[in-house]
Amino acid sequence: MKPTIAIPRHWGYPRFALDQRTQQGLILGLYHYPSGTELAEQFGDGWRYALMPNKNSDEISYLQENQIQPLSPQELFSEITAEIEFYQQQIVILQQQLAVVTGGFTNA
């Protein structure tokens, strides 16, 4: 069974998705202040997002939907390419360590 999230129709759909990369960071969570509630009257109704500025930080930002900017396709491509290169380097390092442990013999 696939996990699903049901959003009441009268809330409107969020602009950003979980795990989406933005200029402000990675979206870790989202929550909604429905209109007519005390929180919505105090802070404004709509979607709010919890973002982690970078993966090496324990800092979390809480922003309104209008405070978040998506990455351009070029920025997204550059970020993902850099992350792939990082992990490819990590794989090479791990393969070298494995070769030392096994005396040069691997199943690869």
PDB file of N, CA and C in Angstrom:
ATOM      1  N   MET A   1       0.841  -1.174   0.000  1.00  0.00           N
ATOM      2  CA  MET A   1       0.000   0.000   0.000  1.00  0.00           C
ATOM      3  C   MET A   1       0.891   1.244   0.000  1.00  0.00           C
ATOM      4  N   LYS A   2       0.572   2.191  -0.880  1.00  0.00           N
ATOM      5  CA  LYS A   2       1.325   3.435  -0.950  1.00  0.00           C
ATOM      6  C   LYS A   2       0.851   4.390   0.134  1.00  0.00           C
ATOM      7  N   PRO A   3       1.801   5.086   0.771  1.00  0.00           N
ATOM      8  CA  PRO A   3       1.379   6.090   1.748  1.00  0.00           C
ATOM      9  C   PRO A   3       0.676   7.239   1.024  1.00  0.00           C
ATOM     10  N   THR A   4      -0.377   7.737   1.617  1.00  0.00           N
ATOM     11  CA  THR A   4      -1.101   8.859   1.024  1.00  0.00           C
ATOM     12  C   THR A   4      -1.368   9.916   2.089  1.00  0.00           C
ATOM     13  N   ILE A   5      -1.511  11.124   1.628  1.00  0.00           N
ATOM     14  CA  ILE A   5      -1.859  12.229   2.499  1.00  0.00           C
ATOM     15  C   ILE A   5      -3.138  12.842   1.939  1.00  0.00           C
ATOM     16  N   ALA A   6      -4.145  12.956   2.776  1.00  0.00           N
ATOM     17  CA  ALA A   6      -5.404  13.564   2.352  1.00  0.00           C
ATOM     18  C   ALA A   6      -5.439  15.010   2.830  1.00  0.00           C
ATOM     19  N   ILE A   7      -5.702  15.911   1.908  1.00  0.00           N
ATOM     20  CA  ILE A   7      -5.794  17.325   2.223  1.00  0.00           C
ATOM     21  C   ILE A   7      -7.233  17.755   1.972  1.00  0.00           C
ATOM     22  N   PRO A   8      -7.888  18.324   2.982  1.00  0.00           N
ATOM     23  CA  PRO A   8      -9.257  18.787   2.766  1.00  0.00           C
ATOM     24  C   PRO A   8      -9.329  19.758   1.585  1.00  0.00           C
ATOM     25  N   ARG A   9     -10.351  19.632   0.764  1.00  0.00           N
ATOM     26  CA  ARG A   9     -10.469  20.457  -0.445  1.00  0.00           C
ATOM     27  C   ARG A   9     -10.478  21.953  -0.144  1.00  0.00           C
ATOM     28  N   HIS A  10     -11.077  22.340   0.974  1.00  0.00           N
ATOM     29  CA  HIS A  10     -11.191  23.768   1.274  1.00  0.00           C
ATOM     30  C   HIS A  10      -9.870  24.382   1.750  1.00  0.00           C
ATOM     31  N   TRP A  11      -8.830  23.586   1.949  1.00  0.00           N
ATOM     32  CA  TRP A  11      -7.525  24.122   2.345  1.00  0.00           C
ATOM     33  C   TRP A  11      -6.724  24.630   1.154  1.00  0.00           C
ATOM     34  N   GLY A  12      -6.970  24.134  -0.011  1.00  0.00           N
ATOM     35  CA  GLY A  12      -6.100  24.437  -1.135  1.00  0.00           C
ATOM     36  C   GLY A  12      -4.879  23.534  -1.091  1.00  0.00           C
ATOM     37  N   TYR A  13      -4.221  23.372  -2.208  1.00  0.00           N
ATOM     38  CA  TYR A  13      -3.088  22.466  -2.287  1.00  0.00           C
ATOM     39  C   TYR A  13      -1.799  23.223  -1.981  1.00  0.00           C
ATOM     40  N   PRO A  14      -0.860  22.615  -1.250  1.00  0.00           N
ATOM     41  CA  PRO A  14       0.400  23.316  -0.955  1.00  0.00           C
ATOM     42  C   PRO A  14       1.214  23.546  -2.231  1.00  0.00           C
ATOM     43  N   ARG A  15       1.925  24.654  -2.255  1.00  0.00           N
ATOM     44  CA  ARG A  15       2.748  24.997  -3.425  1.00  0.00           C
ATOM     45  C   ARG A  15       4.015  24.146  -3.509  1.00  0.00           C
ATOM     46  N   PHE A  16       4.545  23.740  -2.340  1.00  0.00           N
ATOM     47  CA  PHE A  16       5.796  22.997  -2.280  1.00  0.00           C
ATOM     48  C   PHE A  16       5.553  21.608  -1.703  1.00  0.00           C
ATOM     49  N   ALA A  17       6.463  20.681  -1.988  1.00  0.00           N
ATOM     50  CA  ALA A  17       6.322  19.285  -1.564  1.00  0.00           C
ATOM     51  C   ALA A  17       7.379  18.922  -0.524  1.00  0.00           C
ATOM     52  N   LEU A  18       7.092  17.881   0.233  1.00  0.00           N
ATOM     53  CA  LEU A  18       8.092  17.345   1.156  1.00  0.00           C
ATOM     54  C   LEU A  18       9.332  16.943   0.379  1.00  0.00           C
ATOM     55  N   ASP A  19      10.483  17.179   0.945  1.00  0.00           N
ATOM     56  CA  ASP A  19      11.784  16.819   0.374  1.00  0.00           C
ATOM     57  C   ASP A  19      12.153  17.665  -0.851  1.00  0.00           C
ATOM     58  N   GLN A  20      11.404  18.731  -1.121  1.00  0.00           N
ATOM     59  CA  GLN A  20      11.732  19.606  -2.242  1.00  0.00           C
ATOM     60  C   GLN A  20      12.870  20.534  -1.843  1.00  0.00           C
ATOM     61  N   ARG A  21      13.799  20.740  -2.767  1.00  0.00           N
ATOM     62  CA  ARG A  21      14.912  21.665  -2.554  1.00  0.00           C
ATOM     63  C   ARG A  21      14.458  23.065  -2.968  1.00  0.00           C
ATOM     64  N   THR A  22      14.734  24.045  -2.126  1.00  0.00           N
ATOM     65  CA  THR A  22      14.390  25.433  -2.421  1.00  0.00           C
ATOM     66  C   THR A  22      15.605  26.303  -2.119  1.00  0.00           C
ATOM     67  N   GLN A  23      15.503  27.594  -2.430  1.00  0.00           N
ATOM     68  CA  GLN A  23      16.610  28.502  -2.122  1.00  0.00           C
ATOM     69  C   GLN A  23      16.827  28.621  -0.625  1.00  0.00           C
ATOM     70  N   GLN A  24      15.790  28.386   0.169  1.00  0.00           N
ATOM     71  CA  GLN A  24      15.900  28.480   1.620  1.00  0.00           C
ATOM     72  C   GLN A  24      16.310  27.169   2.266  1.00  0.00           C
ATOM     73  N   GLY A  25      16.324  26.086   1.515  1.00  0.00           N
ATOM     74  CA  GLY A  25      16.722  24.794   2.054  1.00  0.00           C
ATOM     75  C   GLY A  25      15.774  23.683   1.639  1.00  0.00           C
ATOM     76  N   LEU A  26      15.926  22.544   2.299  1.00  0.00           N
ATOM     77  CA  LEU A  26      15.141  21.344   2.001  1.00  0.00           C
ATOM     78  C   LEU A  26      13.875  21.330   2.853  1.00  0.00           C
ATOM     79  N   ILE A  27      12.730  21.078   2.227  1.00  0.00           N
ATOM     80  CA  ILE A  27      11.464  21.066   2.960  1.00  0.00           C
ATOM     81  C   ILE A  27      11.323  19.739   3.699  1.00  0.00           C
ATOM     82  N   LEU A  28      11.247  19.838   5.033  1.00  0.00           N
ATOM     83  CA  LEU A  28      11.130  18.656   5.888  1.00  0.00           C
ATOM     84  C   LEU A  28       9.698  18.403   6.346  1.00  0.00           C
ATOM     85  N   GLY A  29       8.915  19.442   6.391  1.00  0.00           N
ATOM     86  CA  GLY A  29       7.552  19.281   6.880  1.00  0.00           C
ATOM     87  C   GLY A  29       6.686  20.445   6.460  1.00  0.00           C
ATOM     88  N   LEU A  30       5.386  20.240   6.522  1.00  0.00           N
ATOM     89  CA  LEU A  30       4.472  21.310   6.226  1.00  0.00           C
ATOM     90  C   LEU A  30       3.251  21.182   7.117  1.00  0.00           C
ATOM     91  N   TYR A  31       2.656  22.314   7.400  1.00  0.00           N
ATOM     92  CA  TYR A  31       1.452  22.326   8.206  1.00  0.00           C
ATOM     93  C   TYR A  31       0.577  23.475   7.736  1.00  0.00           C
ATOM     94  N   HIS A  32      -0.662  23.463   8.139  1.00  0.00           N
ATOM     95  CA  HIS A  32      -1.634  24.410   7.615  1.00  0.00           C
ATOM     96  C   HIS A  32      -2.380  25.092   8.745  1.00  0.00           C
ATOM     97  N   TYR A  33      -2.553  26.409   8.633  1.00  0.00           N
ATOM     98  CA  TYR A  33      -3.415  27.161   9.542  1.00  0.00           C
ATOM     99  C   TYR A  33      -4.714  27.443   8.797  1.00  0.00           C
ATOM    100  N   PRO A  34      -5.763  26.688   9.095  1.00  0.00           N
ATOM    101  CA  PRO A  34      -7.035  26.917   8.398  1.00  0.00           C
ATOM    102  C   PRO A  34      -7.631  28.275   8.774  1.00  0.00           C
ATOM    103  N   SER A  35      -8.251  28.924   7.808  1.00  0.00           N
ATOM    104  CA  SER A  35      -8.877  30.214   8.100  1.00  0.00           C
ATOM    105  C   SER A  35      -9.978  30.006   9.134  1.00  0.00           C
ATOM    106  N   GLY A  36     -10.164  31.030   9.956  1.00  0.00           N
ATOM    107  CA  GLY A  36     -11.165  30.956  11.001  1.00  0.00           C
ATOM    108  C   GLY A  36     -10.653  30.406  12.318  1.00  0.00           C
ATOM    109  N   THR A  37      -9.381  29.992  12.355  1.00  0.00           N
ATOM    110  CA  THR A  37      -8.803  29.494  13.598  1.00  0.00           C
ATOM    111  C   THR A  37      -8.019  30.616  14.285  1.00  0.00           C
ATOM    112  N   GLU A  38      -7.764  30.437  15.550  1.00  0.00           N
ATOM    113  CA  GLU A  38      -7.018  31.452  16.307  1.00  0.00           C
ATOM    114  C   GLU A  38      -5.611  31.650  15.738  1.00  0.00           C
ATOM    115  N   LEU A  39      -4.941  30.558  15.387  1.00  0.00           N
ATOM    116  CA  LEU A  39      -3.589  30.673  14.821  1.00  0.00           C
ATOM    117  C   LEU A  39      -3.614  31.421  13.497  1.00  0.00           C
ATOM    118  N   ALA A  40      -4.611  31.144  12.668  1.00  0.00           N
ATOM    119  CA  ALA A  40      -4.706  31.831  11.378  1.00  0.00           C
ATOM    120  C   ALA A  40      -4.975  33.325  11.580  1.00  0.00           C
ATOM    121  N   GLU A  41      -5.790  33.651  12.557  1.00  0.00           N
ATOM    122  CA  GLU A  41      -6.064  35.069  12.824  1.00  0.00           C
ATOM    123  C   GLU A  41      -4.822  35.774  13.350  1.00  0.00           C
ATOM    124  N   GLN A  42      -4.018  35.058  14.119  1.00  0.00           N
ATOM    125  CA  GLN A  42      -2.812  35.651  14.695  1.00  0.00           C
ATOM    126  C   GLN A  42      -1.671  35.740  13.687  1.00  0.00           C
ATOM    127  N   PHE A  43      -1.481  34.680  12.878  1.00  0.00           N
ATOM    128  CA  PHE A  43      -0.317  34.604  11.987  1.00  0.00           C
ATOM    129  C   PHE A  43      -0.657  34.609  10.503  1.00  0.00           C
ATOM    130  N   GLY A  44      -1.917  34.515  10.166  1.00  0.00           N
ATOM    131  CA  GLY A  44      -2.320  34.412   8.765  1.00  0.00           C
ATOM    132  C   GLY A  44      -2.594  32.974   8.401  1.00  0.00           C
ATOM    133  N   ASP A  45      -3.615  32.771   7.581  1.00  0.00           N
ATOM    134  CA  ASP A  45      -3.967  31.400   7.209  1.00  0.00           C
ATOM    135  C   ASP A  45      -3.097  30.912   6.059  1.00  0.00           C
ATOM    136  N   GLY A  46      -3.101  29.620   5.865  1.00  0.00           N
ATOM    137  CA  GLY A  46      -2.356  29.024   4.760  1.00  0.00           C
ATOM    138  C   GLY A  46      -1.285  28.052   5.215  1.00  0.00           C
ATOM    139  N   TRP A  47      -0.472  27.663   4.258  1.00  0.00           N
ATOM    140  CA  TRP A  47       0.567  26.660   4.483  1.00  0.00           C
ATOM    141  C   TRP A  47       1.807  27.279   5.108  1.00  0.00           C
ATOM    142  N   ARG A  48       2.425  26.513   5.997  1.00  0.00           N
ATOM    143  CA  ARG A  48       3.713  26.842   6.601  1.00  0.00           C
ATOM    144  C   ARG A  48       4.637  25.654   6.333  1.00  0.00           C
ATOM    145  N   TYR A  49       5.932  25.928   6.249  1.00  0.00           N
ATOM    146  CA  TYR A  49       6.907  24.895   5.913  1.00  0.00           C
ATOM    147  C   TYR A  49       8.061  24.899   6.906  1.00  0.00           C
ATOM    148  N   ALA A  50       8.523  23.710   7.245  1.00  0.00           N
ATOM    149  CA  ALA A  50       9.731  23.546   8.054  1.00  0.00           C
ATOM    150  C   ALA A  50      10.854  23.192   7.077  1.00  0.00           C
ATOM    151  N   LEU A  51      11.915  23.991   7.096  1.00  0.00           N
ATOM    152  CA  LEU A  51      13.018  23.797   6.157  1.00  0.00           C
ATOM    153  C   LEU A  51      14.339  23.653   6.890  1.00  0.00           C
ATOM    154  N   MET A  52      15.213  22.817   6.349  1.00  0.00           N
ATOM    155  CA  MET A  52      16.571  22.660   6.850  1.00  0.00           C
ATOM    156  C   MET A  52      17.481  23.359   5.832  1.00  0.00           C
ATOM    157  N   PRO A  53      18.189  24.424   6.248  1.00  0.00           N
ATOM    158  CA  PRO A  53      19.011  25.185   5.306  1.00  0.00           C
ATOM    159  C   PRO A  53      20.054  24.345   4.569  1.00  0.00           C
ATOM    160  N   ASN A  54      20.683  23.400   5.262  1.00  0.00           N
ATOM    161  CA  ASN A  54      21.598  22.472   4.594  1.00  0.00           C
ATOM    162  C   ASN A  54      21.649  21.182   5.394  1.00  0.00           C
ATOM    163  N   LYS A  55      22.095  20.126   4.753  1.00  0.00           N
ATOM    164  CA  LYS A  55      22.031  18.804   5.382  1.00  0.00           C
ATOM    165  C   LYS A  55      23.011  18.620   6.541  1.00  0.00           C
ATOM    166  N   ASN A  56      23.929  19.552   6.710  1.00  0.00           N
ATOM    167  CA  ASN A  56      24.889  19.453   7.813  1.00  0.00           C
ATOM    168  C   ASN A  56      24.511  20.368   8.977  1.00  0.00           C
ATOM    169  N   SER A  57      23.287  20.823   8.987  1.00  0.00           N
ATOM    170  CA  SER A  57      22.844  21.755  10.015  1.00  0.00           C
ATOM    171  C   SER A  57      21.697  21.150  10.813  1.00  0.00           C
ATOM    172  N   ASP A  58      21.629  21.514  12.084  1.00  0.00           N
ATOM    173  CA  ASP A  58      20.471  21.091  12.869  1.00  0.00           C
ATOM    174  C   ASP A  58      19.480  22.245  13.004  1.00  0.00           C
ATOM    175  N   GLU A  59      19.739  23.320  12.285  1.00  0.00           N
ATOM    176  CA  GLU A  59      18.869  24.489  12.283  1.00  0.00           C
ATOM    177  C   GLU A  59      17.631  24.218  11.424  1.00  0.00           C
ATOM    178  N   ILE A  60      16.486  24.652  11.905  1.00  0.00           N
ATOM    179  CA  ILE A  60      15.237  24.511  11.164  1.00  0.00           C
ATOM    180  C   ILE A  60      14.603  25.889  11.043  1.00  0.00           C
ATOM    181  N   SER A  61      14.160  26.241   9.841  1.00  0.00           N
ATOM    182  CA  SER A  61      13.441  27.490   9.609  1.00  0.00           C
ATOM    183  C   SER A  61      11.974  27.167   9.386  1.00  0.00           C
ATOM    184  N   TYR A  62      11.119  28.041   9.868  1.00  0.00           N
ATOM    185  CA  TYR A  62       9.681  27.887   9.666  1.00  0.00           C
ATOM    186  C   TYR A  62       9.208  29.088   8.853  1.00  0.00           C
ATOM    187  N   LEU A  63       8.795  28.836   7.628  1.00  0.00           N
ATOM    188  CA  LEU A  63       8.461  29.927   6.716  1.00  0.00           C
ATOM    189  C   LEU A  63       7.062  29.771   6.136  1.00  0.00           C
ATOM    190  N   GLN A  64       6.476  30.918   5.812  1.00  0.00           N
ATOM    191  CA  GLN A  64       5.215  30.917   5.093  1.00  0.00           C
ATOM    192  C   GLN A  64       5.480  30.620   3.624  1.00  0.00           C
ATOM    193  N   GLU A  65       4.440  30.200   2.952  1.00  0.00           N
ATOM    194  CA  GLU A  65       4.584  29.825   1.551  1.00  0.00           C
ATOM    195  C   GLU A  65       5.159  30.960   0.696  1.00  0.00           C
ATOM    196  N   ASN A  66       4.752  32.199   0.974  1.00  0.00           N
ATOM    197  CA  ASN A  66       5.222  33.324   0.156  1.00  0.00           C
ATOM    198  C   ASN A  66       6.660  33.740   0.473  1.00  0.00           C
ATOM    199  N   GLN A  67       7.287  33.119   1.487  1.00  0.00           N
ATOM    200  CA  GLN A  67       8.675  33.423   1.840  1.00  0.00           C
ATOM    201  C   GLN A  67       9.661  32.447   1.199  1.00  0.00           C
ATOM    202  N   ILE A  68       9.142  31.482   0.460  1.00  0.00           N
ATOM    203  CA  ILE A  68       9.991  30.426  -0.109  1.00  0.00           C
ATOM    204  C   ILE A  68      10.116  30.622  -1.610  1.00  0.00           C
ATOM    205  N   GLN A  69      11.340  30.483  -2.098  1.00  0.00           N
ATOM    206  CA  GLN A  69      11.609  30.585  -3.530  1.00  0.00           C
ATOM    207  C   GLN A  69      12.109  29.238  -4.053  1.00  0.00           C
ATOM    208  N   PRO A  70      11.498  28.719  -5.106  1.00  0.00           N
ATOM    209  CA  PRO A  70      11.991  27.455  -5.677  1.00  0.00           C
ATOM    210  C   PRO A  70      13.341  27.673  -6.358  1.00  0.00           C
ATOM    211  N   LEU A  71      14.079  26.606  -6.507  1.00  0.00           N
ATOM    212  CA  LEU A  71      15.327  26.667  -7.266  1.00  0.00           C
ATOM    213  C   LEU A  71      14.998  26.692  -8.755  1.00  0.00           C
ATOM    214  N   SER A  72      15.824  27.375  -9.519  1.00  0.00           N
ATOM    215  CA  SER A  72      15.670  27.332 -10.973  1.00  0.00           C
ATOM    216  C   SER A  72      16.095  25.939 -11.441  1.00  0.00           C
ATOM    217  N   PRO A  73      15.689  25.534 -12.633  1.00  0.00           N
ATOM    218  CA  PRO A  73      16.137  24.226 -13.136  1.00  0.00           C
ATOM    219  C   PRO A  73      17.663  24.100 -13.157  1.00  0.00           C
ATOM    220  N   GLN A  74      18.365  25.186 -13.475  1.00  0.00           N
ATOM    221  CA  GLN A  74      19.830  25.150 -13.510  1.00  0.00           C
ATOM    222  C   GLN A  74      20.406  24.971 -12.104  1.00  0.00           C
ATOM    223  N   GLU A  75      19.838  25.682 -11.128  1.00  0.00           N
ATOM    224  CA  GLU A  75      20.314  25.545  -9.749  1.00  0.00           C
ATOM    225  C   GLU A  75      20.056  24.134  -9.227  1.00  0.00           C
ATOM    226  N   LEU A  76      18.887  23.596  -9.525  1.00  0.00           N
ATOM    227  CA  LEU A  76      18.550  22.242  -9.101  1.00  0.00           C
ATOM    228  C   LEU A  76      19.494  21.234  -9.744  1.00  0.00           C
ATOM    229  N   PHE A  77      19.756  21.395 -11.027  1.00  0.00           N
ATOM    230  CA  PHE A  77      20.684  20.507 -11.732  1.00  0.00           C
ATOM    231  C   PHE A  77      22.063  20.567 -11.090  1.00  0.00           C
ATOM    232  N   SER A  78      22.556  21.772 -10.791  1.00  0.00           N
ATOM    233  CA  SER A  78      23.882  21.929 -10.186  1.00  0.00           C
ATOM    234  C   SER A  78      23.951  21.284  -8.806  1.00  0.00           C
ATOM    235  N   GLU A  79      22.913  21.485  -7.987  1.00  0.00           N
ATOM    236  CA  GLU A  79      22.889  20.886  -6.650  1.00  0.00           C
ATOM    237  C   GLU A  79      22.909  19.371  -6.714  1.00  0.00           C
ATOM    238  N   ILE A  80      22.068  18.806  -7.566  1.00  0.00           N
ATOM    239  CA  ILE A  80      21.976  17.348  -7.657  1.00  0.00           C
ATOM    240  C   ILE A  80      23.258  16.772  -8.245  1.00  0.00           C
ATOM    241  N   THR A  81      23.818  17.439  -9.243  1.00  0.00           N
ATOM    242  CA  THR A  81      25.078  16.971  -9.840  1.00  0.00           C
ATOM    243  C   THR A  81      26.202  16.984  -8.805  1.00  0.00           C
ATOM    244  N   ALA A  82      26.285  18.038  -8.005  1.00  0.00           N
ATOM    245  CA  ALA A  82      27.319  18.122  -6.961  1.00  0.00           C
ATOM    246  C   ALA A  82      27.132  17.011  -5.933  1.00  0.00           C
ATOM    247  N   GLU A  83      25.880  16.725  -5.583  1.00  0.00           N
ATOM    248  CA  GLU A  83      25.625  15.661  -4.608  1.00  0.00           C
ATOM    249  C   GLU A  83      25.993  14.295  -5.183  1.00  0.00           C
ATOM    250  N   ILE A  84      25.695  14.060  -6.446  1.00  0.00           N
ATOM    251  CA  ILE A  84      26.070  12.793  -7.104  1.00  0.00           C
ATOM    252  C   ILE A  84      27.594  12.640  -7.099  1.00  0.00           C
ATOM    253  N   GLU A  85      28.306  13.707  -7.456  1.00  0.00           N
ATOM    254  CA  GLU A  85      29.771  13.654  -7.473  1.00  0.00           C
ATOM    255  C   GLU A  85      30.327  13.360  -6.088  1.00  0.00           C
ATOM    256  N   PHE A  86      29.740  13.979  -5.064  1.00  0.00           N
ATOM    257  CA  PHE A  86      30.175  13.721  -3.694  1.00  0.00           C
ATOM    258  C   PHE A  86      30.020  12.240  -3.356  1.00  0.00           C
ATOM    259  N   TYR A  87      28.854  11.681  -3.642  1.00  0.00           N
ATOM    260  CA  TYR A  87      28.621  10.276  -3.302  1.00  0.00           C
ATOM    261  C   TYR A  87      29.454   9.328  -4.158  1.00  0.00           C
ATOM    262  N   GLN A  88      29.746   9.697  -5.391  1.00  0.00           N
ATOM    263  CA  GLN A  88      30.636   8.863  -6.211  1.00  0.00           C
ATOM    264  C   GLN A  88      32.041   8.831  -5.607  1.00  0.00           C
ATOM    265  N   GLN A  89      32.499   9.954  -5.078  1.00  0.00           N
ATOM    266  CA  GLN A  89      33.799   9.996  -4.415  1.00  0.00           C
ATOM    267  C   GLN A  89      33.779   9.132  -3.159  1.00  0.00           C
ATOM    268  N   GLN A  90      32.688   9.172  -2.423  1.00  0.00           N
ATOM    269  CA  GLN A  90      32.560   8.343  -1.227  1.00  0.00           C
ATOM    270  C   GLN A  90      32.583   6.860  -1.581  1.00  0.00           C
ATOM    271  N   ILE A  91      31.957   6.487  -2.680  1.00  0.00           N
ATOM    272  CA  ILE A  91      31.960   5.089  -3.132  1.00  0.00           C
ATOM    273  C   ILE A  91      33.379   4.645  -3.467  1.00  0.00           C
ATOM    274  N   VAL A  92      34.133   5.489  -4.152  1.00  0.00           N
ATOM    275  CA  VAL A  92      35.524   5.151  -4.490  1.00  0.00           C
ATOM    276  C   VAL A  92      36.338   4.939  -3.212  1.00  0.00           C
ATOM    277  N   ILE A  93      36.159   5.812  -2.241  1.00  0.00           N
ATOM    278  CA  ILE A  93      36.879   5.678  -0.965  1.00  0.00           C
ATOM    279  C   ILE A  93      36.511   4.369  -0.274  1.00  0.00           C
ATOM    280  N   LEU A  94      35.229   4.052  -0.241  1.00  0.00           N
ATOM    281  CA  LEU A  94      34.778   2.807   0.391  1.00  0.00           C
ATOM    282  C   LEU A  94      35.300   1.576  -0.360  1.00  0.00           C
ATOM    283  N   GLN A  95      35.351   1.648  -1.685  1.00  0.00           N
ATOM    284  CA  GLN A  95      35.887   0.527  -2.457  1.00  0.00           C
ATOM    285  C   GLN A  95      37.368   0.324  -2.164  1.00  0.00           C
ATOM    286  N   GLN A  96      38.104   1.417  -1.997  1.00  0.00           N
ATOM    287  CA  GLN A  96      39.522   1.316  -1.650  1.00  0.00           C
ATOM    288  C   GLN A  96      39.697   0.703  -0.262  1.00  0.00           C
ATOM    289  N   GLN A  97      38.860   1.112   0.676  1.00  0.00           N
ATOM    290  CA  GLN A  97      38.924   0.550   2.026  1.00  0.00           C
ATOM    291  C   GLN A  97      38.579  -0.941   2.002  1.00  0.00           C
ATOM    292  N   LEU A  98      37.591  -1.303   1.214  1.00  0.00           N
ATOM    293  CA  LEU A  98      37.205  -2.713   1.100  1.00  0.00           C
ATOM    294  C   LEU A  98      38.340  -3.531   0.490  1.00  0.00           C
ATOM    295  N   ALA A  99      39.013  -2.973  -0.512  1.00  0.00           N
ATOM    296  CA  ALA A  99      40.131  -3.686  -1.127  1.00  0.00           C
ATOM    297  C   ALA A  99      41.249  -3.930  -0.123  1.00  0.00           C
ATOM    298  N   VAL A 100      41.505  -2.965   0.775  1.00  0.00           N
ATOM    299  CA  VAL A 100      42.526  -3.150   1.798  1.00  0.00           C
ATOM    300  C   VAL A 100      42.111  -4.263   2.756  1.00  0.00           C
ATOM    301  N   VAL A 101      40.845  -4.263   3.156  1.00  0.00           N
ATOM    302  CA  VAL A 101      40.343  -5.262   4.115  1.00  0.00           C
ATOM    303  C   VAL A 101      40.365  -6.656   3.512  1.00  0.00           C
ATOM    304  N   THR A 102      40.054  -6.773   2.240  1.00  0.00           N
ATOM    305  CA  THR A 102      39.957  -8.106   1.604  1.00  0.00           C
ATOM    306  C   THR A 102      41.257  -8.498   0.902  1.00  0.00           C
ATOM    307  N   GLY A 103      42.275  -7.682   1.014  1.00  0.00           N
ATOM    308  CA  GLY A 103      43.534  -8.022   0.364  1.00  0.00           C
ATOM    309  C   GLY A 103      43.449  -7.870  -1.154  1.00  0.00           C
ATOM    310  N   GLY A 104      42.612  -6.997  -1.619  1.00  0.00           N
ATOM    311  CA  GLY A 104      42.492  -6.768  -3.059  1.00  0.00           C
ATOM    312  C   GLY A 104      41.419  -7.591  -3.724  1.00  0.00           C
ATOM    313  N   PHE A 105      40.842  -8.559  -3.002  1.00  0.00           N
ATOM    314  CA  PHE A 105      39.804  -9.421  -3.581  1.00  0.00           C
ATOM    315  C   PHE A 105      38.443  -8.863  -3.267  1.00  0.00           C
ATOM    316  N   THR A 106      37.648  -8.571  -4.302  1.00  0.00           N
ATOM    317  CA  THR A 106      36.258  -8.155  -4.103  1.00  0.00           C
ATOM    318  C   THR A 106      35.377  -8.943  -5.067  1.00  0.00           C
ATOM    319  N   ASN A 107      34.102  -8.948  -4.801  1.00  0.00           N
ATOM    320  CA  ASN A 107      33.141  -9.633  -5.666  1.00  0.00           C
ATOM    321  C   ASN A 107      32.706  -8.780  -6.842  1.00  0.00           C
ATOM    322  N   ALA A 108      33.186  -7.560  -6.928  1.00  0.00           N
ATOM    323  CA  ALA A 108      32.710  -6.642  -7.963  1.00  0.00           C
ATOM    324  C   ALA A 108      33.253  -6.946  -9.317  1.00  0.00           C
TER     325      ALA A 108
END
